C-alpha atoms as a PDB file:
ATOM      1  CA  MET A   1      94.167  77.178 193.037  1.00  0.00           C
ATOM      2  CA  ILE A   2      93.522  74.599 190.620  1.00  0.00           C
ATOM      3  CA  VAL A   3      89.813  74.611 189.339  1.00  0.00           C
ATOM      4  CA  CYS A   4      89.998  71.803 186.756  1.00  0.00           C
ATOM      5  CA  VAL A   5      92.160  68.858 187.890  1.00  0.00           C
ATOM      6  CA  CYS A   6      91.621  66.969 184.636  1.00  0.00           C
ATOM      7  CA  ARG A   7      93.266  69.778 182.734  1.00  0.00           C
ATOM      8  CA  GLY A   8      95.578  71.466 185.448  1.00  0.00           C
ATOM      9  CA  ILE A   9      93.556  74.861 184.933  1.00  0.00           C
ATOM     10  CA  SER A  10      93.701  77.581 187.764  1.00  0.00           C
ATOM     11  CA  ASP A  11      91.284  80.104 188.838  1.00  0.00           C
ATOM     12  CA  ARG A  12      93.658  82.759 187.371  1.00  0.00           C
ATOM     13  CA  SER A  13      93.311  81.084 183.984  1.00  0.00           C
ATOM     14  CA  VAL A  14      89.504  81.205 184.254  1.00  0.00           C
ATOM     15  CA  ARG A  15      89.737  84.890 185.322  1.00  0.00           C
ATOM     16  CA  GLU A  16      92.025  85.730 182.471  1.00  0.00           C
ATOM     17  CA  ALA A  17      89.629  83.972 179.948  1.00  0.00           C
ATOM     18  CA  ARG A  18      86.778  86.027 181.461  1.00  0.00           C
ATOM     19  CA  ALA A  19      88.787  89.112 180.871  1.00  0.00           C
ATOM     20  CA  ARG A  20      89.241  88.234 177.369  1.00  0.00           C
ATOM     21  CA  GLY A  21      85.348  87.745 176.941  1.00  0.00           C
ATOM     22  CA  ALA A  22      84.579  84.155 178.061  1.00  0.00           C
ATOM     23  CA  ARG A  23      81.313  84.542 179.846  1.00  0.00           C
ATOM     24  CA  THR A  24      79.912  81.149 179.798  1.00  0.00           C
ATOM     25  CA  LEU A  25      81.019  77.624 181.029  1.00  0.00           C
ATOM     26  CA  ASP A  26      81.241  76.637 177.427  1.00  0.00           C
ATOM     27  CA  ALA A  27      83.267  79.846 176.405  1.00  0.00           C
ATOM     28  CA  VAL A  28      85.635  79.049 179.345  1.00  0.00           C
ATOM     29  CA  GLY A  29      86.058  75.509 178.252  1.00  0.00           C
ATOM     30  CA  THR A  30      86.844  76.646 174.638  1.00  0.00           C
ATOM     31  CA  ALA A  31      89.495  79.212 175.769  1.00  0.00           C
ATOM     32  CA  THR A  32      91.178  77.065 178.507  1.00  0.00           C
ATOM     33  CA  GLY A  33      89.950  73.504 178.377  1.00  0.00           C
ATOM     34  CA  ALA A  34      88.516  73.563 181.874  1.00  0.00           C
ATOM     35  CA  GLY A  35      85.306  71.691 182.386  1.00  0.00           C
ATOM     36  CA  THR A  36      85.482  69.851 179.165  1.00  0.00           C
ATOM     37  CA  ASP A  37      86.391  66.356 180.675  1.00  0.00           C
ATOM     38  CA  CYS A  38      84.638  65.049 183.769  1.00  0.00           C
ATOM     39  CA  GLY A  39      82.530  68.180 184.641  1.00  0.00           C
ATOM     40  CA  CYS A  40      83.268  68.224 188.401  1.00  0.00           C
ATOM     41  CA  CYS A  41      84.654  71.850 188.194  1.00  0.00           C
ATOM     42  CA  HIS A  42      81.575  73.270 186.625  1.00  0.00           C
ATOM     43  CA  ASP A  43      80.266  74.734 189.833  1.00  0.00           C
ATOM     44  CA  THR A  44      83.648  76.290 190.828  1.00  0.00           C
ATOM     45  CA  ILE A  45      84.016  77.802 187.247  1.00  0.00           C
ATOM     46  CA  ALA A  46      80.631  79.269 187.705  1.00  0.00           C
ATOM     47  CA  ARG A  47      81.453  80.938 191.038  1.00  0.00           C
ATOM     48  CA  VAL A  48      84.664  82.378 189.530  1.00  0.00           C
ATOM     49  CA  LEU A  49      82.621  83.721 186.502  1.00  0.00           C
ATOM     50  CA  ALA A  50      80.075  85.153 188.907  1.00  0.00           C
ATOM     51  CA  GLU A  51      82.692  87.214 190.900  1.00  0.00           C
ATOM     52  CA  PRO A  52      83.005  90.954 190.274  1.00  0.00           C
ATOM     53  CA  CYS A  53      85.961  91.686 188.048  1.00  0.00           C
ATOM     54  CA  ARG A  54      87.386  94.087 190.285  1.00  0.00           C
ATOM     55  CA  ALA A  55      87.031  95.540 193.941  1.00  0.00           C
ATOM     56  CA  GLU A  56      85.060  98.344 192.584  1.00  0.00           C
ATOM     57  CA  PRO A  57      82.554  97.152 190.113  1.00  0.00           C
ATOM     58  CA  CYS A  58      81.873  99.073 186.828  1.00  0.00           C
ATOM     59  CA  ALA A  59      78.558 100.901 186.709  1.00  0.00           C
ATOM     60  CA  GLY A  60      75.724  98.510 185.786  1.00  0.00           C
ATOM     61  CA  CYS A  61      77.852  95.480 186.214  1.00  0.00           C
ATOM     62  CA  PRO A  62      75.527  92.429 186.867  1.00  0.00           C
ATOM     63  CA  ARG A  63      78.123  90.771 189.053  1.00  0.00           C
ATOM     64  CA  GLY A  64      78.996  93.821 191.167  1.00  0.00           C
ATOM     65  CA  ALA A  65      75.366  94.126 192.613  1.00  0.00           C
ATOM     66  CA  ALA A  66      74.813  90.379 193.267  1.00  0.00           C
ATOM     67  CA  GLY A  67      78.249  89.310 193.755  1.00  0.00           C
ATOM     68  CA  GLY A  68      79.650  91.410 196.526  1.00  0.00           C
ATOM     69  CA  ALA A  69      83.352  92.527 196.800  1.00  0.00           C
ATOM     70  CA  VAL A  70      86.122  90.595 195.548  1.00  0.00           C
ATOM     71  CA  PRO A  71      87.910  88.788 198.263  1.00  0.00           C
ATOM     72  CA  ARG A  72      90.886  90.944 199.526  1.00  0.00           C
ATOM     73  CA  ARG A  73      93.450  88.242 198.423  1.00  0.00           C
ATOM     74  CA  ILE A  74      92.395  88.730 194.972  1.00  0.00           C
ATOM     75  CA  ALA A  75      92.145  92.530 194.993  1.00  0.00           C
ATOM     76  CA  ALA A  76      95.404  92.734 196.575  1.00  0.00           C
ATOM     77  CA  ALA A  77      97.090  90.340 193.953  1.00  0.00           C
ATOM     78  CA  GLY A  78      95.380  92.304 191.149  1.00  0.00           C
ATOM     79  CA  GLU A  79      93.644  89.114 189.911  1.00  0.00           C
ATOM     80  CA  GLY A  80      90.361  89.391 188.056  1.00  0.00           C
ATOM     81  CA  THR A  81      90.869  93.033 187.111  1.00  0.00           C
ATOM     82  CA  LEU A  82      90.432  94.249 183.636  1.00  0.00           C
END
């Protein structure tokens, strides 16, 4: 899905940036351009960043305990995995 309409950035691109080390809105903006124009997508980017990286979180993963499981669609597609 498109996360940032201004720049045409998808949730997959945000997840890829996260996998390369972008852990904040600013870092995602630097890596992808998402969230650097009107800012309407900041909440959506934050939700994507808060998702676990994979269906089975790594030991000690802060997103795994609070974020719950990755939706089946994402886990099945292999998106968001490291």
